[in-house]
Amino acid sequence: MKRLPAAKRNQLIIVVVVTAALIGLVYFLLIGPQKKKNEQIASDIKAAQNDLQQKEDVIKKGEATSSKLTDVSLQLNHAEEDLASGDAYTWAYDLIRRFKAGYHVDIPNVSQPTVGEVDLIPNFPYKQVKFSINGTAYYHDLGKFVAGFENTFPHMRLVNLSIEPAGTVANASEELNFRIDVIALVKPNT
């Protein structure tokens, strides 16, 4: 630069300054805004990918939840098979008639059932049916009947069991008269 004449040197400096200014203008007016726009697009893409991933996760969970709902619905339907439905008296009589066949108990009387709200749990979605059975049996046979009934029907309970001798004092017999209240859930009308 020292060998160049002053006019040429000034022209070269002006060209370098103008070139630097033009490069700066191009960067600040064209490249800078485009860079910001690219960054904004990249962040929008990242947000959209995150949103898409969340939605895919929800869809996967939805499919799993749907299959779980199907399984639970099948379990509920299976559990509701022994619930009271239709005419309460017919259901109760048929249930006791079929169940007592496997036991040595005589149950000639099934009382008229009453249907009402569940008195054990408030705001329970099912109703309950309550009826009494009277009969005679030997002590061990009655115990087997009660145990079998409670194990076979988990949605029913036997309450208020009363036992007294079947015979008189003069006619002593080992048979017992019994009375049991049966409480069962009623299948909701769907």
C-alpha atoms as a PDB file:
ATOM      1  CA  MET A   1       0.000   0.000   0.000  1.00  0.00           C
ATOM      2  CA  LYS A   2       2.851   2.341   0.578  1.00  0.00           C
ATOM      3  CA  ARG A   3       3.916   1.935  -3.037  1.00  0.00           C
ATOM      4  CA  LEU A   4       0.528   2.957  -4.389  1.00  0.00           C
ATOM      5  CA  PRO A   5      -0.106   6.538  -5.250  1.00  0.00           C
ATOM      6  CA  ALA A   6      -2.376   8.410  -2.857  1.00  0.00           C
ATOM      7  CA  ALA A   7      -5.294   8.611  -5.295  1.00  0.00           C
ATOM      8  CA  LYS A   8      -5.224   4.885  -5.966  1.00  0.00           C
ATOM      9  CA  ARG A   9      -4.831   4.153  -2.272  1.00  0.00           C
ATOM     10  CA  ASN A  10      -7.860   6.346  -1.435  1.00  0.00           C
ATOM     11  CA  GLN A  11      -9.862   4.624  -4.164  1.00  0.00           C
ATOM     12  CA  LEU A  12      -8.844   1.242  -2.775  1.00  0.00           C
ATOM     13  CA  ILE A  13      -9.819   2.283   0.767  1.00  0.00           C
ATOM     14  CA  ILE A  14     -13.164   3.603  -0.495  1.00  0.00           C
ATOM     15  CA  VAL A  15     -13.765   0.363  -2.406  1.00  0.00           C
ATOM     16  CA  VAL A  16     -12.920  -1.686   0.698  1.00  0.00           C
ATOM     17  CA  VAL A  17     -15.135   0.487   2.943  1.00  0.00           C
ATOM     18  CA  VAL A  18     -18.020   0.475   0.440  1.00  0.00           C
ATOM     19  CA  THR A  19     -17.644  -3.293  -0.002  1.00  0.00           C
ATOM     20  CA  ALA A  20     -17.667  -3.801   3.783  1.00  0.00           C
ATOM     21  CA  ALA A  21     -20.681  -1.493   4.067  1.00  0.00           C
ATOM     22  CA  LEU A  22     -22.487  -3.401   1.304  1.00  0.00           C
ATOM     23  CA  ILE A  23     -21.651  -6.720   2.962  1.00  0.00           C
ATOM     24  CA  GLY A  24     -22.912  -5.332   6.293  1.00  0.00           C
ATOM     25  CA  LEU A  25     -26.092  -4.045   4.619  1.00  0.00           C
ATOM     26  CA  VAL A  26     -26.679  -7.388   2.927  1.00  0.00           C
ATOM     27  CA  TYR A  27     -26.156  -9.174   6.261  1.00  0.00           C
ATOM     28  CA  PHE A  28     -28.399  -6.878   8.293  1.00  0.00           C
ATOM     29  CA  LEU A  29     -31.116  -6.381   5.674  1.00  0.00           C
ATOM     30  CA  LEU A  30     -31.246  -9.811   4.022  1.00  0.00           C
ATOM     31  CA  ILE A  31     -29.344 -12.473   5.941  1.00  0.00           C
ATOM     32  CA  GLY A  32     -30.257 -11.370   9.524  1.00  0.00           C
ATOM     33  CA  PRO A  33     -34.044 -11.372   9.025  1.00  0.00           C
ATOM     34  CA  GLN A  34     -33.830 -14.627   7.089  1.00  0.00           C
ATOM     35  CA  LYS A  35     -31.779 -16.150   9.912  1.00  0.00           C
ATOM     36  CA  LYS A  36     -34.404 -15.046  12.476  1.00  0.00           C
ATOM     37  CA  LYS A  37     -37.123 -16.419  10.236  1.00  0.00           C
ATOM     38  CA  ASN A  38     -35.261 -19.744   9.932  1.00  0.00           C
ATOM     39  CA  GLU A  39     -34.860 -19.905  13.733  1.00  0.00           C
ATOM     40  CA  GLN A  40     -38.584 -19.214  14.155  1.00  0.00           C
ATOM     41  CA  ILE A  41     -39.438 -21.914  11.617  1.00  0.00           C
ATOM     42  CA  ALA A  42     -37.074 -24.343  13.393  1.00  0.00           C
ATOM     43  CA  SER A  43     -38.733 -23.628  16.766  1.00  0.00           C
ATOM     44  CA  ASP A  44     -42.210 -23.999  15.170  1.00  0.00           C
ATOM     45  CA  ILE A  45     -41.127 -27.354  13.686  1.00  0.00           C
ATOM     46  CA  LYS A  46     -39.782 -28.456  17.070  1.00  0.00           C
ATOM     47  CA  ALA A  47     -43.059 -27.427  18.777  1.00  0.00           C
ATOM     48  CA  ALA A  48     -45.100 -29.188  16.080  1.00  0.00           C
ATOM     49  CA  GLN A  49     -42.973 -32.341  16.466  1.00  0.00           C
ATOM     50  CA  ASN A  50     -43.483 -32.251  20.252  1.00  0.00           C
ATOM     51  CA  ASP A  51     -47.221 -31.750  19.753  1.00  0.00           C
ATOM     52  CA  LEU A  52     -47.312 -34.610  17.240  1.00  0.00           C
ATOM     53  CA  GLN A  53     -45.383 -36.866  19.649  1.00  0.00           C
ATOM     54  CA  GLN A  54     -47.841 -36.022  22.455  1.00  0.00           C
ATOM     55  CA  LYS A  55     -50.781 -36.797  20.191  1.00  0.00           C
ATOM     56  CA  GLU A  56     -49.213 -40.092  19.106  1.00  0.00           C
ATOM     57  CA  ASP A  57     -48.669 -40.979  22.765  1.00  0.00           C
ATOM     58  CA  VAL A  58     -52.308 -40.142  23.502  1.00  0.00           C
ATOM     59  CA  ILE A  59     -53.415 -42.310  20.573  1.00  0.00           C
ATOM     60  CA  LYS A  60     -51.270 -45.201  21.824  1.00  0.00           C
ATOM     61  CA  LYS A  61     -52.632 -44.739  25.326  1.00  0.00           C
ATOM     62  CA  GLY A  62     -56.125 -44.477  23.854  1.00  0.00           C
ATOM     63  CA  GLU A  63     -55.743 -47.850  22.153  1.00  0.00           C
ATOM     64  CA  ALA A  64     -54.406 -49.379  25.368  1.00  0.00           C
ATOM     65  CA  THR A  65     -57.171 -47.715  27.367  1.00  0.00           C
ATOM     66  CA  SER A  66     -59.750 -48.943  24.870  1.00  0.00           C
ATOM     67  CA  SER A  67     -58.531 -52.515  25.177  1.00  0.00           C
ATOM     68  CA  LYS A  68     -58.392 -52.165  28.962  1.00  0.00           C
ATOM     69  CA  LEU A  69     -61.964 -50.802  28.919  1.00  0.00           C
ATOM     70  CA  THR A  70     -63.048 -53.804  26.856  1.00  0.00           C
ATOM     71  CA  ASP A  71     -61.384 -56.167  29.340  1.00  0.00           C
ATOM     72  CA  VAL A  72     -62.937 -54.417  32.329  1.00  0.00           C
ATOM     73  CA  SER A  73     -66.357 -54.390  30.617  1.00  0.00           C
ATOM     74  CA  LEU A  74     -66.087 -58.138  30.012  1.00  0.00           C
ATOM     75  CA  GLN A  75     -65.078 -58.681  33.648  1.00  0.00           C
ATOM     76  CA  LEU A  76     -68.014 -56.549  34.801  1.00  0.00           C
ATOM     77  CA  ASN A  77     -70.436 -58.439  32.568  1.00  0.00           C
ATOM     78  CA  HIS A  78     -69.073 -61.730  33.903  1.00  0.00           C
ATOM     79  CA  ALA A  79     -69.363 -60.458  37.491  1.00  0.00           C
ATOM     80  CA  GLU A  80     -72.936 -59.269  36.853  1.00  0.00           C
ATOM     81  CA  GLU A  81     -74.069 -62.712  35.670  1.00  0.00           C
ATOM     82  CA  ASP A  82     -75.197 -63.726  39.159  1.00  0.00           C
ATOM     83  CA  LEU A  83     -76.945 -60.422  39.925  1.00  0.00           C
ATOM     84  CA  ALA A  84     -80.697 -60.334  40.245  1.00  0.00           C
ATOM     85  CA  SER A  85     -82.568 -59.435  37.079  1.00  0.00           C
ATOM     86  CA  GLY A  86     -86.119 -59.530  35.827  1.00  0.00           C
ATOM     87  CA  ASP A  87     -88.861 -60.610  38.234  1.00  0.00           C
ATOM     88  CA  ALA A  88     -87.252 -60.635  41.692  1.00  0.00           C
ATOM     89  CA  TYR A  89     -89.393 -63.433  43.144  1.00  0.00           C
ATOM     90  CA  THR A  90     -88.869 -65.764  40.184  1.00  0.00           C
ATOM     91  CA  TRP A  91     -85.154 -65.044  40.200  1.00  0.00           C
ATOM     92  CA  ALA A  92     -84.848 -65.658  43.983  1.00  0.00           C
ATOM     93  CA  TYR A  93     -86.929 -68.839  43.935  1.00  0.00           C
ATOM     94  CA  ASP A  94     -85.029 -70.253  40.945  1.00  0.00           C
ATOM     95  CA  LEU A  95     -81.652 -69.339  42.466  1.00  0.00           C
ATOM     96  CA  ILE A  96     -82.409 -71.079  45.780  1.00  0.00           C
ATOM     97  CA  ARG A  97     -84.003 -74.077  44.046  1.00  0.00           C
ATOM     98  CA  ARG A  98     -80.966 -74.626  41.810  1.00  0.00           C
ATOM     99  CA  PHE A  99     -78.384 -73.993  44.530  1.00  0.00           C
ATOM    100  CA  LYS A 100     -79.939 -76.137  47.274  1.00  0.00           C
ATOM    101  CA  ALA A 101     -79.896 -79.186  44.984  1.00  0.00           C
ATOM    102  CA  GLY A 102     -76.244 -79.814  45.864  1.00  0.00           C
ATOM    103  CA  TYR A 103     -76.832 -79.687  49.614  1.00  0.00           C
ATOM    104  CA  HIS A 104     -78.863 -81.643  52.164  1.00  0.00           C
ATOM    105  CA  VAL A 105     -81.130 -78.800  53.190  1.00  0.00           C
ATOM    106  CA  ASP A 106     -84.870 -78.463  52.864  1.00  0.00           C
ATOM    107  CA  ILE A 107     -85.981 -74.948  51.908  1.00  0.00           C
ATOM    108  CA  PRO A 108     -89.717 -74.990  51.240  1.00  0.00           C
ATOM    109  CA  ASN A 109     -90.223 -71.259  51.694  1.00  0.00           C
ATOM    110  CA  VAL A 110     -88.734 -68.250  49.901  1.00  0.00           C
ATOM    111  CA  SER A 111     -90.310 -64.970  50.993  1.00  0.00           C
ATOM    112  CA  GLN A 112     -91.413 -62.232  48.633  1.00  0.00           C
ATOM    113  CA  PRO A 113     -88.321 -60.131  47.816  1.00  0.00           C
ATOM    114  CA  THR A 114     -88.181 -56.393  48.367  1.00  0.00           C
ATOM    115  CA  VAL A 115     -86.131 -54.233  46.034  1.00  0.00           C
ATOM    116  CA  GLY A 116     -84.602 -51.040  47.382  1.00  0.00           C
ATOM    117  CA  GLU A 117     -81.508 -48.910  47.658  1.00  0.00           C
ATOM    118  CA  VAL A 118     -78.303 -50.511  48.904  1.00  0.00           C
ATOM    119  CA  ASP A 119     -78.168 -49.883  52.639  1.00  0.00           C
ATOM    120  CA  LEU A 120     -74.512 -50.823  53.096  1.00  0.00           C
ATOM    121  CA  ILE A 121     -72.870 -48.256  50.801  1.00  0.00           C
ATOM    122  CA  PRO A 122     -74.381 -44.818  50.113  1.00  0.00           C
ATOM    123  CA  ASN A 123     -74.789 -43.654  46.495  1.00  0.00           C
ATOM    124  CA  PHE A 124     -74.047 -47.140  45.181  1.00  0.00           C
ATOM    125  CA  PRO A 125     -74.999 -47.523  41.481  1.00  0.00           C
ATOM    126  CA  TYR A 126     -76.867 -50.800  42.052  1.00  0.00           C
ATOM    127  CA  LYS A 127     -80.058 -51.575  43.907  1.00  0.00           C
ATOM    128  CA  GLN A 128     -80.470 -54.499  46.286  1.00  0.00           C
ATOM    129  CA  VAL A 129     -83.043 -57.215  46.653  1.00  0.00           C
ATOM    130  CA  LYS A 130     -83.700 -58.728  50.067  1.00  0.00           C
ATOM    131  CA  PHE A 131     -85.592 -61.943  50.745  1.00  0.00           C
ATOM    132  CA  SER A 132     -85.733 -64.595  53.452  1.00  0.00           C
ATOM    133  CA  ILE A 133     -85.429 -68.350  53.222  1.00  0.00           C
ATOM    134  CA  ASN A 134     -86.780 -70.783  55.806  1.00  0.00           C
ATOM    135  CA  GLY A 135     -85.972 -74.426  56.067  1.00  0.00           C
ATOM    136  CA  THR A 136     -84.585 -77.358  57.987  1.00  0.00           C
ATOM    137  CA  ALA A 137     -81.175 -78.998  57.938  1.00  0.00           C
ATOM    138  CA  TYR A 138     -78.623 -80.657  60.123  1.00  0.00           C
ATOM    139  CA  TYR A 139     -76.013 -78.358  61.637  1.00  0.00           C
ATOM    140  CA  HIS A 140     -73.098 -79.408  59.404  1.00  0.00           C
ATOM    141  CA  ASP A 141     -75.260 -79.454  56.275  1.00  0.00           C
ATOM    142  CA  LEU A 142     -76.450 -75.939  57.046  1.00  0.00           C
ATOM    143  CA  GLY A 143     -72.837 -74.807  57.550  1.00  0.00           C
ATOM    144  CA  LYS A 144     -71.820 -76.294  54.205  1.00  0.00           C
ATOM    145  CA  PHE A 145     -74.819 -74.637  52.536  1.00  0.00           C
ATOM    146  CA  VAL A 146     -73.969 -71.212  53.987  1.00  0.00           C
ATOM    147  CA  ALA A 147     -70.256 -71.511  53.123  1.00  0.00           C
ATOM    148  CA  GLY A 148     -70.989 -72.732  49.605  1.00  0.00           C
ATOM    149  CA  PHE A 149     -73.534 -69.976  49.015  1.00  0.00           C
ATOM    150  CA  GLU A 150     -71.209 -67.210  50.143  1.00  0.00           C
ATOM    151  CA  ASN A 151     -68.307 -68.607  48.113  1.00  0.00           C
ATOM    152  CA  THR A 152     -70.389 -69.154  44.985  1.00  0.00           C
ATOM    153  CA  PHE A 153     -72.106 -65.748  44.991  1.00  0.00           C
ATOM    154  CA  PRO A 154     -69.649 -63.015  45.992  1.00  0.00           C
ATOM    155  CA  HIS A 155     -72.236 -60.288  45.313  1.00  0.00           C
ATOM    156  CA  MET A 156     -74.705 -61.671  47.826  1.00  0.00           C
ATOM    157  CA  ARG A 157     -74.599 -61.901  51.556  1.00  0.00           C
ATOM    158  CA  LEU A 158     -76.443 -63.960  54.087  1.00  0.00           C
ATOM    159  CA  VAL A 159     -77.512 -62.034  57.195  1.00  0.00           C
ATOM    160  CA  ASN A 160     -79.679 -62.545  60.256  1.00  0.00           C
ATOM    161  CA  LEU A 161     -79.205 -66.302  60.544  1.00  0.00           C
ATOM    162  CA  SER A 162     -81.470 -67.678  63.232  1.00  0.00           C
ATOM    163  CA  ILE A 163     -81.396 -71.336  64.269  1.00  0.00           C
ATOM    164  CA  GLU A 164     -83.672 -73.281  66.595  1.00  0.00           C
ATOM    165  CA  PRO A 165     -84.292 -76.985  67.173  1.00  0.00           C
ATOM    166  CA  ALA A 166     -86.714 -78.555  64.727  1.00  0.00           C
ATOM    167  CA  GLY A 167     -88.292 -80.976  67.169  1.00  0.00           C
ATOM    168  CA  THR A 168     -89.886 -80.493  70.557  1.00  0.00           C
ATOM    169  CA  VAL A 169     -88.170 -81.367  73.809  1.00  0.00           C
ATOM    170  CA  ALA A 170     -90.069 -84.661  73.942  1.00  0.00           C
ATOM    171  CA  ASN A 171     -89.188 -85.449  70.332  1.00  0.00           C
ATOM    172  CA  ALA A 172     -85.477 -84.531  70.325  1.00  0.00           C
ATOM    173  CA  SER A 173     -84.087 -84.383  66.805  1.00  0.00           C
ATOM    174  CA  GLU A 174     -80.742 -83.176  65.552  1.00  0.00           C
ATOM    175  CA  GLU A 175     -82.419 -81.209  62.771  1.00  0.00           C
ATOM    176  CA  LEU A 176     -82.566 -77.450  62.995  1.00  0.00           C
ATOM    177  CA  ASN A 177     -85.068 -74.909  61.717  1.00  0.00           C
ATOM    178  CA  PHE A 178     -83.306 -71.930  60.228  1.00  0.00           C
ATOM    179  CA  ARG A 179     -84.173 -68.577  58.779  1.00  0.00           C
ATOM    180  CA  ILE A 180     -81.706 -66.522  56.733  1.00  0.00           C
ATOM    181  CA  ASP A 181     -82.067 -63.152  55.027  1.00  0.00           C
ATOM    182  CA  VAL A 182     -80.393 -63.003  51.628  1.00  0.00           C
ATOM    183  CA  ILE A 183     -79.277 -59.655  50.230  1.00  0.00           C
ATOM    184  CA  ALA A 184     -78.249 -59.530  46.568  1.00  0.00           C
ATOM    185  CA  LEU A 185     -77.425 -56.800  44.100  1.00  0.00           C
ATOM    186  CA  VAL A 186     -79.863 -56.084  41.275  1.00  0.00           C
ATOM    187  CA  LYS A 187     -78.535 -55.737  37.738  1.00  0.00           C
ATOM    188  CA  PRO A 188     -79.239 -52.196  36.485  1.00  0.00           C
ATOM    189  CA  ASN A 189     -81.478 -51.789  33.460  1.00  0.00           C
ATOM    190  CA  THR A 190     -79.242 -50.902  30.542  1.00  0.00           C
END
